[in-house]
Amino acid sequence: MPLGTAVRHLRKGDWTKAHAIVQNDESELGCWAHGIVHLMEGDLGNARYWYRRAGRPFPRERDAIAEIDALVAQMKAQPPAAESTTP
Protein backbone atom coordinates (compact mmCIF):
# COMPACT_ATOMS: atom_id res chain seq x y z
CA MET A 1 0.00 0.00 0.00
CA PRO A 2 1.72 3.19 -1.14
CA LEU A 3 0.10 5.37 1.53
CA GLY A 4 1.48 3.05 4.21
CA THR A 5 4.94 3.50 2.73
CA ALA A 6 4.47 7.27 2.77
CA VAL A 7 3.50 7.09 6.45
CA ARG A 8 6.67 5.14 7.23
CA HIS A 9 8.71 7.90 5.57
CA LEU A 10 6.79 10.56 7.51
CA ARG A 11 7.47 8.76 10.79
CA LYS A 12 11.19 8.83 9.93
CA GLY A 13 10.95 12.55 9.17
CA ASP A 14 11.65 12.01 5.47
CA TRP A 15 8.92 14.19 4.02
CA THR A 16 10.69 14.33 0.64
CA LYS A 17 10.23 10.59 0.03
CA ALA A 18 6.69 10.73 1.39
CA HIS A 19 5.89 13.61 -0.97
CA ALA A 20 6.93 11.55 -3.99
CA ILE A 21 4.24 9.04 -3.03
CA VAL A 22 1.36 11.21 -1.83
CA GLN A 23 1.47 13.65 -4.74
CA ASN A 24 -0.04 10.84 -6.83
CA ASP A 25 -2.81 10.00 -4.35
CA GLU A 26 -6.01 12.05 -4.80
CA SER A 27 -7.94 10.23 -2.04
CA GLU A 28 -8.95 12.11 1.11
CA LEU A 29 -6.35 10.21 3.12
CA GLY A 30 -3.74 10.90 0.44
CA CYS A 31 -4.57 14.61 0.54
CA TRP A 32 -4.32 14.56 4.33
CA ALA A 33 -0.90 12.90 4.12
CA HIS A 34 0.09 15.49 1.51
CA GLY A 35 -0.92 18.21 3.97
CA ILE A 36 1.24 16.60 6.65
CA VAL A 37 4.17 16.53 4.23
CA HIS A 38 3.92 20.29 3.73
CA LEU A 39 3.35 20.83 7.45
CA MET A 40 6.66 19.07 8.11
CA GLU A 41 8.32 21.00 5.31
CA GLY A 42 7.17 24.28 6.83
CA ASP A 43 5.10 25.30 3.79
CA LEU A 44 1.97 26.15 5.78
CA GLY A 45 0.05 27.72 2.90
CA ASN A 46 0.40 24.56 0.83
CA ALA A 47 -0.36 22.42 3.90
CA ARG A 48 -3.62 24.33 4.44
CA TYR A 49 -4.57 23.75 0.79
CA TRP A 50 -4.12 19.98 1.14
CA TYR A 51 -6.00 19.88 4.45
CA ARG A 52 -8.91 21.63 2.72
CA ARG A 53 -8.76 19.07 -0.12
CA ALA A 54 -8.87 16.32 2.51
CA GLY A 55 -11.86 17.94 4.23
CA ARG A 56 -9.87 18.26 7.46
CA PRO A 57 -9.40 21.22 9.78
CA PHE A 58 -5.88 22.61 9.83
CA PRO A 59 -4.25 21.59 13.14
CA ARG A 60 -3.78 24.46 15.58
CA GLU A 61 -0.81 22.84 17.25
CA ARG A 62 0.89 21.94 13.97
CA ASP A 63 2.08 18.72 15.60
CA ALA A 64 3.07 16.46 12.71
CA ILE A 65 3.49 13.39 14.95
CA ALA A 66 -0.06 13.75 16.31
CA GLU A 67 -1.34 14.20 12.74
CA ILE A 68 0.51 11.12 11.53
CA ASP A 69 -0.93 9.11 14.43
CA ALA A 70 -4.45 10.34 13.61
CA LEU A 71 -3.94 9.52 9.92
CA VAL A 72 -2.82 5.98 10.79
CA ALA A 73 -5.84 5.52 13.07
CA GLN A 74 -8.13 6.64 10.25
CA MET A 75 -6.38 4.33 7.78
CA LYS A 76 -6.95 1.39 10.14
CA ALA A 77 -10.61 2.33 10.52
CA GLN A 78 -11.20 2.30 6.75
CA PRO A 79 -12.74 -0.88 5.35
CA PRO A 80 -10.39 -2.80 3.07
CA ALA A 81 -10.69 -1.97 -0.63
CA ALA A 82 -12.96 -4.34 -2.53
CA GLU A 83 -11.10 -6.75 -4.71
CA SER A 84 -11.97 -6.96 -8.35
CA THR A 85 -14.03 -10.00 -9.32
CA THR A 86 -13.53 -9.54 -13.04
CA PRO A 87 -12.12 -12.75 -14.58
PDB file of N, CA and C in Angstrom:
ATOM      1  N   MET A   1       0.845  -1.175   0.000  1.00  0.00           N
ATOM      2  CA  MET A   1       0.000   0.000   0.000  1.00  0.00           C
ATOM      3  C   MET A   1       0.894   1.243   0.000  1.00  0.00           C
ATOM      4  N   PRO A   2       0.828   2.031  -1.056  1.00  0.00           N
ATOM      5  CA  PRO A   2       1.715   3.195  -1.143  1.00  0.00           C
ATOM      6  C   PRO A   2       1.544   4.194  -0.002  1.00  0.00           C
ATOM      7  N   LEU A   3       0.305   4.411   0.454  1.00  0.00           N
ATOM      8  CA  LEU A   3       0.098   5.371   1.528  1.00  0.00           C
ATOM      9  C   LEU A   3       0.780   4.899   2.812  1.00  0.00           C
ATOM     10  N   GLY A   4       0.772   3.597   3.051  1.00  0.00           N
ATOM     11  CA  GLY A   4       1.477   3.048   4.207  1.00  0.00           C
ATOM     12  C   GLY A   4       2.970   3.311   4.127  1.00  0.00           C
ATOM     13  N   THR A   5       3.521   3.199   2.932  1.00  0.00           N
ATOM     14  CA  THR A   5       4.942   3.501   2.728  1.00  0.00           C
ATOM     15  C   THR A   5       5.212   4.974   2.996  1.00  0.00           C
ATOM     16  N   ALA A   6       4.320   5.841   2.523  1.00  0.00           N
ATOM     17  CA  ALA A   6       4.473   7.274   2.770  1.00  0.00           C
ATOM     18  C   ALA A   6       4.452   7.558   4.269  1.00  0.00           C
ATOM     19  N   VAL A   7       3.575   6.898   4.996  1.00  0.00           N
ATOM     20  CA  VAL A   7       3.500   7.089   6.448  1.00  0.00           C
ATOM     21  C   VAL A   7       4.812   6.669   7.102  1.00  0.00           C
ATOM     22  N   ARG A   8       5.380   5.568   6.663  1.00  0.00           N
ATOM     23  CA  ARG A   8       6.671   5.140   7.228  1.00  0.00           C
ATOM     24  C   ARG A   8       7.741   6.213   7.010  1.00  0.00           C
ATOM     25  N   HIS A   9       7.758   6.817   5.829  1.00  0.00           N
ATOM     26  CA  HIS A   9       8.713   7.903   5.568  1.00  0.00           C
ATOM     27  C   HIS A   9       8.425   9.107   6.460  1.00  0.00           C
ATOM     28  N   LEU A  10       7.143   9.431   6.635  1.00  0.00           N
ATOM     29  CA  LEU A  10       6.790  10.559   7.506  1.00  0.00           C
ATOM     30  C   LEU A  10       7.250  10.308   8.933  1.00  0.00           C
ATOM     31  N   ARG A  11       7.049   9.090   9.418  1.00  0.00           N
ATOM     32  CA  ARG A  11       7.472   8.757  10.793  1.00  0.00           C
ATOM     33  C   ARG A  11       8.979   8.915  10.969  1.00  0.00           C
ATOM     34  N   LYS A  12       9.724   8.679   9.892  1.00  0.00           N
ATOM     35  CA  LYS A  12      11.185   8.830   9.934  1.00  0.00           C
ATOM     36  C   LYS A  12      11.608  10.282   9.725  1.00  0.00           C
ATOM     37  N   GLY A  13      10.626  11.149   9.413  1.00  0.00           N
ATOM     38  CA  GLY A  13      10.946  12.548   9.170  1.00  0.00           C
ATOM     39  C   GLY A  13      11.371  12.832   7.741  1.00  0.00           C
ATOM     40  N   ASP A  14      11.241  11.852   6.860  1.00  0.00           N
ATOM     41  CA  ASP A  14      11.651  12.011   5.472  1.00  0.00           C
ATOM     42  C   ASP A  14      10.456  12.429   4.617  1.00  0.00           C
ATOM     43  N   TRP A  15      10.095  13.715   4.743  1.00  0.00           N
ATOM     44  CA  TRP A  15       8.921  14.194   4.022  1.00  0.00           C
ATOM     45  C   TRP A  15       9.149  14.227   2.508  1.00  0.00           C
ATOM     46  N   THR A  16      10.405  14.302   2.075  1.00  0.00           N
ATOM     47  CA  THR A  16      10.689  14.329   0.638  1.00  0.00           C
ATOM     48  C   THR A  16      10.266  13.021  -0.021  1.00  0.00           C
ATOM     49  N   LYS A  17      10.624  11.892   0.585  1.00  0.00           N
ATOM     50  CA  LYS A  17      10.227  10.593   0.030  1.00  0.00           C
ATOM     51  C   LYS A  17       8.723  10.397   0.130  1.00  0.00           C
ATOM     52  N   ALA A  18       8.143  10.845   1.235  1.00  0.00           N
ATOM     53  CA  ALA A  18       6.694  10.735   1.394  1.00  0.00           C
ATOM     54  C   ALA A  18       5.978  11.557   0.326  1.00  0.00           C
ATOM     55  N   HIS A  19       6.511  12.721   0.029  1.00  0.00           N
ATOM     56  CA  HIS A  19       5.893  13.607  -0.971  1.00  0.00           C
ATOM     57  C   HIS A  19       5.848  12.938  -2.335  1.00  0.00           C
ATOM     58  N   ALA A  20       6.895  12.230  -2.692  1.00  0.00           N
ATOM     59  CA  ALA A  20       6.935  11.549  -3.992  1.00  0.00           C
ATOM     60  C   ALA A  20       5.791  10.547  -4.133  1.00  0.00           C
ATOM     61  N   ILE A  21       5.327  10.013  -3.019  1.00  0.00           N
ATOM     62  CA  ILE A  21       4.236   9.037  -3.034  1.00  0.00           C
ATOM     63  C   ILE A  21       2.877   9.735  -2.992  1.00  0.00           C
ATOM     64  N   VAL A  22       2.692  10.638  -2.047  1.00  0.00           N
ATOM     65  CA  VAL A  22       1.358  11.212  -1.834  1.00  0.00           C
ATOM     66  C   VAL A  22       0.933  12.175  -2.922  1.00  0.00           C
ATOM     67  N   GLN A  23       1.869  12.728  -3.676  1.00  0.00           N
ATOM     68  CA  GLN A  23       1.475  13.649  -4.739  1.00  0.00           C
ATOM     69  C   GLN A  23       0.700  12.951  -5.843  1.00  0.00           C
ATOM     70  N   ASN A  24       0.709  11.615  -5.845  1.00  0.00           N
ATOM     71  CA  ASN A  24      -0.041  10.837  -6.828  1.00  0.00           C
ATOM     72  C   ASN A  24      -1.310  10.226  -6.249  1.00  0.00           C
ATOM     73  N   ASP A  25      -1.652  10.580  -5.022  1.00  0.00           N
ATOM     74  CA  ASP A  25      -2.814  10.002  -4.349  1.00  0.00           C
ATOM     75  C   ASP A  25      -3.858  11.090  -4.128  1.00  0.00           C
ATOM     76  N   GLU A  26      -4.960  11.036  -4.868  1.00  0.00           N
ATOM     77  CA  GLU A  26      -6.011  12.055  -4.796  1.00  0.00           C
ATOM     78  C   GLU A  26      -7.093  11.721  -3.767  1.00  0.00           C
ATOM     79  N   SER A  27      -6.946  10.598  -3.046  1.00  0.00           N
ATOM     80  CA  SER A  27      -7.939  10.233  -2.038  1.00  0.00           C
ATOM     81  C   SER A  27      -7.898  11.228  -0.882  1.00  0.00           C
ATOM     82  N   GLU A  28      -8.940  11.222  -0.049  1.00  0.00           N
ATOM     83  CA  GLU A  28      -8.953  12.114   1.114  1.00  0.00           C
ATOM     84  C   GLU A  28      -7.772  11.826   2.038  1.00  0.00           C
ATOM     85  N   LEU A  29      -7.482  10.553   2.257  1.00  0.00           N
ATOM     86  CA  LEU A  29      -6.349  10.211   3.121  1.00  0.00           C
ATOM     87  C   LEU A  29      -5.029  10.632   2.479  1.00  0.00           C
ATOM     88  N   GLY A  30      -4.931  10.469   1.163  1.00  0.00           N
ATOM     89  CA  GLY A  30      -3.735  10.897   0.444  1.00  0.00           C
ATOM     90  C   GLY A  30      -3.543  12.407   0.532  1.00  0.00           C
ATOM     91  N   CYS A  31      -4.642  13.152   0.416  1.00  0.00           N
ATOM     92  CA  CYS A  31      -4.572  14.614   0.543  1.00  0.00           C
ATOM     93  C   CYS A  31      -4.177  15.016   1.960  1.00  0.00           C
ATOM     94  N   TRP A  32      -4.693  14.294   2.941  1.00  0.00           N
ATOM     95  CA  TRP A  32      -4.319  14.561   4.332  1.00  0.00           C
ATOM     96  C   TRP A  32      -2.822  14.326   4.522  1.00  0.00           C
ATOM     97  N   ALA A  33      -2.332  13.194   4.027  1.00  0.00           N
ATOM     98  CA  ALA A  33      -0.902  12.899   4.122  1.00  0.00           C
ATOM     99  C   ALA A  33      -0.089  13.973   3.402  1.00  0.00           C
ATOM    100  N   HIS A  34      -0.592  14.441   2.269  1.00  0.00           N
ATOM    101  CA  HIS A  34       0.089  15.491   1.514  1.00  0.00           C
ATOM    102  C   HIS A  34       0.156  16.767   2.353  1.00  0.00           C
ATOM    103  N   GLY A  35      -0.929  17.066   3.070  1.00  0.00           N
ATOM    104  CA  GLY A  35      -0.917  18.210   3.971  1.00  0.00           C
ATOM    105  C   GLY A  35       0.118  18.062   5.070  1.00  0.00           C
ATOM    106  N   ILE A  36       0.236  16.859   5.608  1.00  0.00           N
ATOM    107  CA  ILE A  36       1.238  16.596   6.654  1.00  0.00           C
ATOM    108  C   ILE A  36       2.645  16.796   6.104  1.00  0.00           C
ATOM    109  N   VAL A  37       2.859  16.338   4.866  1.00  0.00           N
ATOM    110  CA  VAL A  37       4.171  16.535   4.225  1.00  0.00           C
ATOM    111  C   VAL A  37       4.547  18.017   4.250  1.00  0.00           C
ATOM    112  N   HIS A  38       3.618  18.861   3.801  1.00  0.00           N
ATOM    113  CA  HIS A  38       3.922  20.291   3.730  1.00  0.00           C
ATOM    114  C   HIS A  38       3.968  20.940   5.111  1.00  0.00           C
ATOM    115  N   LEU A  39       3.246  20.380   6.066  1.00  0.00           N
ATOM    116  CA  LEU A  39       3.351  20.829   7.452  1.00  0.00           C
ATOM    117  C   LEU A  39       4.777  20.596   7.956  1.00  0.00           C
ATOM    118  N   MET A  40       5.303  19.406   7.689  1.00  0.00           N
ATOM    119  CA  MET A  40       6.660  19.072   8.110  1.00  0.00           C
ATOM    120  C   MET A  40       7.698  19.916   7.383  1.00  0.00           C
ATOM    121  N   GLU A  41       7.416  20.201   6.120  1.00  0.00           N
ATOM    122  CA  GLU A  41       8.322  21.003   5.306  1.00  0.00           C
ATOM    123  C   GLU A  41       8.356  22.457   5.781  1.00  0.00           C
ATOM    124  N   GLY A  42       7.260  22.896   6.402  1.00  0.00           N
ATOM    125  CA  GLY A  42       7.166  24.284   6.830  1.00  0.00           C
ATOM    126  C   GLY A  42       6.438  25.168   5.840  1.00  0.00           C
ATOM    127  N   ASP A  43       5.862  24.572   4.805  1.00  0.00           N
ATOM    128  CA  ASP A  43       5.098  25.300   3.792  1.00  0.00           C
ATOM    129  C   ASP A  43       3.629  25.288   4.221  1.00  0.00           C
ATOM    130  N   LEU A  44       3.291  26.184   5.153  1.00  0.00           N
ATOM    131  CA  LEU A  44       1.971  26.147   5.780  1.00  0.00           C
ATOM    132  C   LEU A  44       0.839  26.501   4.823  1.00  0.00           C
ATOM    133  N   GLY A  45       1.086  27.383   3.876  1.00  0.00           N
ATOM    134  CA  GLY A  45       0.050  27.720   2.899  1.00  0.00           C
ATOM    135  C   GLY A  45      -0.333  26.507   2.069  1.00  0.00           C
ATOM    136  N   ASN A  46       0.652  25.774   1.613  1.00  0.00           N
ATOM    137  CA  ASN A  46       0.400  24.563   0.834  1.00  0.00           C
ATOM    138  C   ASN A  46      -0.225  23.486   1.719  1.00  0.00           C
ATOM    139  N   ALA A  47       0.217  23.390   2.963  1.00  0.00           N
ATOM    140  CA  ALA A  47      -0.361  22.419   3.897  1.00  0.00           C
ATOM    141  C   ALA A  47      -1.853  22.701   4.093  1.00  0.00           C
ATOM    142  N   ARG A  48      -2.203  23.962   4.268  1.00  0.00           N
ATOM    143  CA  ARG A  48      -3.621  24.331   4.440  1.00  0.00           C
ATOM    144  C   ARG A  48      -4.445  23.925   3.217  1.00  0.00           C
ATOM    145  N   TYR A  49      -3.882  24.136   2.031  1.00  0.00           N
ATOM    146  CA  TYR A  49      -4.569  23.745   0.790  1.00  0.00           C
ATOM    147  C   TYR A  49      -4.896  22.256   0.810  1.00  0.00           C
ATOM    148  N   TRP A  50      -3.913  21.429   1.162  1.00  0.00           N
ATOM    149  CA  TRP A  50      -4.124  19.983   1.140  1.00  0.00           C
ATOM    150  C   TRP A  50      -5.060  19.523   2.257  1.00  0.00           C
ATOM    151  N   TYR A  51      -5.038  20.196   3.387  1.00  0.00           N
ATOM    152  CA  TYR A  51      -5.998  19.883   4.449  1.00  0.00           C
ATOM    153  C   TYR A  51      -7.420  20.195   3.976  1.00  0.00           C
ATOM    154  N   ARG A  52      -7.584  21.319   3.276  1.00  0.00           N
ATOM    155  CA  ARG A  52      -8.908  21.629   2.718  1.00  0.00           C
ATOM    156  C   ARG A  52      -9.341  20.557   1.724  1.00  0.00           C
ATOM    157  N   ARG A  53      -8.441  20.119   0.856  1.00  0.00           N
ATOM    158  CA  ARG A  53      -8.757  19.066  -0.121  1.00  0.00           C
ATOM    159  C   ARG A  53      -9.159  17.772   0.584  1.00  0.00           C
ATOM    160  N   ALA A  54      -8.565  17.539   1.750  1.00  0.00           N
ATOM    161  CA  ALA A  54      -8.868  16.324   2.512  1.00  0.00           C
ATOM    162  C   ALA A  54     -10.136  16.473   3.343  1.00  0.00           C
ATOM    163  N   GLY A  55     -10.683  17.697   3.406  1.00  0.00           N
ATOM    164  CA  GLY A  55     -11.864  17.941   4.230  1.00  0.00           C
ATOM    165  C   GLY A  55     -11.555  17.914   5.715  1.00  0.00           C
ATOM    166  N   ARG A  56     -10.331  18.303   6.066  1.00  0.00           N
ATOM    167  CA  ARG A  56      -9.870  18.259   7.463  1.00  0.00           C
ATOM    168  C   ARG A  56      -9.561  19.665   7.949  1.00  0.00           C
ATOM    169  N   PRO A  57      -9.801  19.927   9.231  1.00  0.00           N
ATOM    170  CA  PRO A  57      -9.396  21.220   9.780  1.00  0.00           C
ATOM    171  C   PRO A  57      -7.876  21.278   9.910  1.00  0.00           C
ATOM    172  N   PHE A  58      -7.323  22.447   9.682  1.00  0.00           N
ATOM    173  CA  PHE A  58      -5.878  22.605   9.831  1.00  0.00           C
ATOM    174  C   PHE A  58      -5.542  22.558  11.318  1.00  0.00           C
ATOM    175  N   PRO A  59      -4.548  21.762  11.709  1.00  0.00           N
ATOM    176  CA  PRO A  59      -4.245  21.589  13.141  1.00  0.00           C
ATOM    177  C   PRO A  59      -3.667  22.861  13.774  1.00  0.00           C
ATOM    178  N   ARG A  60      -4.258  23.268  14.875  1.00  0.00           N
ATOM    179  CA  ARG A  60      -3.781  24.461  15.579  1.00  0.00           C
ATOM    180  C   ARG A  60      -2.371  24.282  16.115  1.00  0.00           C
ATOM    181  N   GLU A  61      -2.105  23.095  16.620  1.00  0.00           N
ATOM    182  CA  GLU A  61      -0.808  22.837  17.252  1.00  0.00           C
ATOM    183  C   GLU A  61       0.300  22.558  16.245  1.00  0.00           C
ATOM    184  N   ARG A  62      -0.079  22.250  15.028  1.00  0.00           N
ATOM    185  CA  ARG A  62       0.892  21.935  13.967  1.00  0.00           C
ATOM    186  C   ARG A  62       1.857  20.839  14.409  1.00  0.00           C
ATOM    187  N   ASP A  63       1.309  19.849  15.090  1.00  0.00           N
ATOM    188  CA  ASP A  63       2.080  18.721  15.601  1.00  0.00           C
ATOM    189  C   ASP A  63       2.010  17.586  14.585  1.00  0.00           C
ATOM    190  N   ALA A  64       3.064  17.455  13.788  1.00  0.00           N
ATOM    191  CA  ALA A  64       3.073  16.460  12.714  1.00  0.00           C
ATOM    192  C   ALA A  64       2.937  15.039  13.257  1.00  0.00           C
ATOM    193  N   ILE A  65       3.559  14.746  14.387  1.00  0.00           N
ATOM    194  CA  ILE A  65       3.486  13.391  14.954  1.00  0.00           C
ATOM    195  C   ILE A  65       2.039  13.048  15.312  1.00  0.00           C
ATOM    196  N   ALA A  66       1.341  13.990  15.949  1.00  0.00           N
ATOM    197  CA  ALA A  66      -0.062  13.753  16.306  1.00  0.00           C
ATOM    198  C   ALA A  66      -0.904  13.567  15.046  1.00  0.00           C
ATOM    199  N   GLU A  67      -0.606  14.329  14.006  1.00  0.00           N
ATOM    200  CA  GLU A  67      -1.343  14.203  12.743  1.00  0.00           C
ATOM    201  C   GLU A  67      -1.072  12.860  12.076  1.00  0.00           C
ATOM    202  N   ILE A  68       0.164  12.424  12.099  1.00  0.00           N
ATOM    203  CA  ILE A  68       0.507  11.116  11.528  1.00  0.00           C
ATOM    204  C   ILE A  68      -0.226  10.022  12.293  1.00  0.00           C
ATOM    205  N   ASP A  69      -0.227  10.100  13.614  1.00  0.00           N
ATOM    206  CA  ASP A  69      -0.929   9.108  14.432  1.00  0.00           C
ATOM    207  C   ASP A  69      -2.424   9.084  14.108  1.00  0.00           C
ATOM    208  N   ALA A  70      -3.025  10.270  13.942  1.00  0.00           N
ATOM    209  CA  ALA A  70      -4.453  10.341  13.605  1.00  0.00           C
ATOM    210  C   ALA A  70      -4.712   9.783  12.213  1.00  0.00           C
ATOM    211  N   LEU A  71      -3.813  10.058  11.274  1.00  0.00           N
ATOM    212  CA  LEU A  71      -3.940   9.516   9.921  1.00  0.00           C
ATOM    213  C   LEU A  71      -3.890   7.992   9.949  1.00  0.00           C
ATOM    214  N   VAL A  72      -2.948   7.440  10.686  1.00  0.00           N
ATOM    215  CA  VAL A  72      -2.823   5.983  10.790  1.00  0.00           C
ATOM    216  C   VAL A  72      -4.085   5.383  11.403  1.00  0.00           C
ATOM    217  N   ALA A  73      -4.610   6.012  12.444  1.00  0.00           N
ATOM    218  CA  ALA A  73      -5.842   5.517  13.070  1.00  0.00           C
ATOM    219  C   ALA A  73      -6.987   5.518  12.063  1.00  0.00           C
ATOM    220  N   GLN A  74      -7.071   6.573  11.267  1.00  0.00           N
ATOM    221  CA  GLN A  74      -8.130   6.644  10.248  1.00  0.00           C
ATOM    222  C   GLN A  74      -7.919   5.589   9.160  1.00  0.00           C
ATOM    223  N   MET A  75      -6.671   5.357   8.781  1.00  0.00           N
ATOM    224  CA  MET A  75      -6.378   4.327   7.778  1.00  0.00           C
ATOM    225  C   MET A  75      -6.818   2.952   8.283  1.00  0.00           C
ATOM    226  N   LYS A  76      -6.567   2.682   9.550  1.00  0.00           N
ATOM    227  CA  LYS A  76      -6.948   1.388  10.138  1.00  0.00           C
ATOM    228  C   LYS A  76      -8.458   1.247  10.240  1.00  0.00           C
ATOM    229  N   ALA A  77      -9.164   2.357  10.385  1.00  0.00           N
ATOM    230  CA  ALA A  77     -10.609   2.331  10.524  1.00  0.00           C
ATOM    231  C   ALA A  77     -11.325   2.159   9.176  1.00  0.00           C
ATOM    232  N   GLN A  78     -10.612   2.414   8.092  1.00  0.00           N
ATOM    233  CA  GLN A  78     -11.200   2.295   6.755  1.00  0.00           C
ATOM    234  C   GLN A  78     -11.422   0.819   6.420  1.00  0.00           C
ATOM    235  N   PRO A  79     -12.554   0.503   5.794  1.00  0.00           N
ATOM    236  CA  PRO A  79     -12.744  -0.876   5.348  1.00  0.00           C
ATOM    237  C   PRO A  79     -11.751  -1.190   4.233  1.00  0.00           C
ATOM    238  N   PRO A  80     -11.341  -2.441   4.122  1.00  0.00           N
ATOM    239  CA  PRO A  80     -10.389  -2.803   3.066  1.00  0.00           C
ATOM    240  C   PRO A  80     -11.030  -2.555   1.689  1.00  0.00           C
ATOM    241  N   ALA A  81     -10.203  -2.208   0.736  1.00  0.00           N
ATOM    242  CA  ALA A  81     -10.692  -1.973  -0.627  1.00  0.00           C
ATOM    243  C   ALA A  81     -11.247  -3.269  -1.198  1.00  0.00           C
ATOM    244  N   ALA A  82     -12.348  -3.155  -1.897  1.00  0.00           N
ATOM    245  CA  ALA A  82     -12.962  -4.338  -2.526  1.00  0.00           C
ATOM    246  C   ALA A  82     -12.055  -4.854  -3.628  1.00  0.00           C
ATOM    247  N   GLU A  83     -11.924  -6.156  -3.658  1.00  0.00           N
ATOM    248  CA  GLU A  83     -11.103  -6.753  -4.706  1.00  0.00           C
ATOM    249  C   GLU A  83     -11.934  -6.937  -5.962  1.00  0.00           C
ATOM    250  N   SER A  84     -11.289  -6.813  -7.074  1.00  0.00           N
ATOM    251  CA  SER A  84     -11.967  -6.965  -8.349  1.00  0.00           C
ATOM    252  C   SER A  84     -12.359  -8.416  -8.550  1.00  0.00           C
ATOM    253  N   THR A  85     -13.578  -8.624  -9.051  1.00  0.00           N
ATOM    254  CA  THR A  85     -14.027 -10.001  -9.318  1.00  0.00           C
ATOM    255  C   THR A  85     -14.108 -10.275 -10.815  1.00  0.00           C
ATOM    256  N   THR A  86     -13.535  -9.377 -11.603  1.00  0.00           N
ATOM    257  CA  THR A  86     -13.527  -9.542 -13.042  1.00  0.00           C
ATOM    258  C   THR A  86     -12.568 -10.657 -13.412  1.00  0.00           C
ATOM    259  N   PRO A  87     -13.029 -11.645 -14.215  1.00  0.00           N
ATOM    260  CA  PRO A  87     -12.123 -12.753 -14.579  1.00  0.00           C
ATOM    261  C   PRO A  87     -11.008 -12.312 -15.484  1.00  0.00           C
TER     262      PRO A  87
END
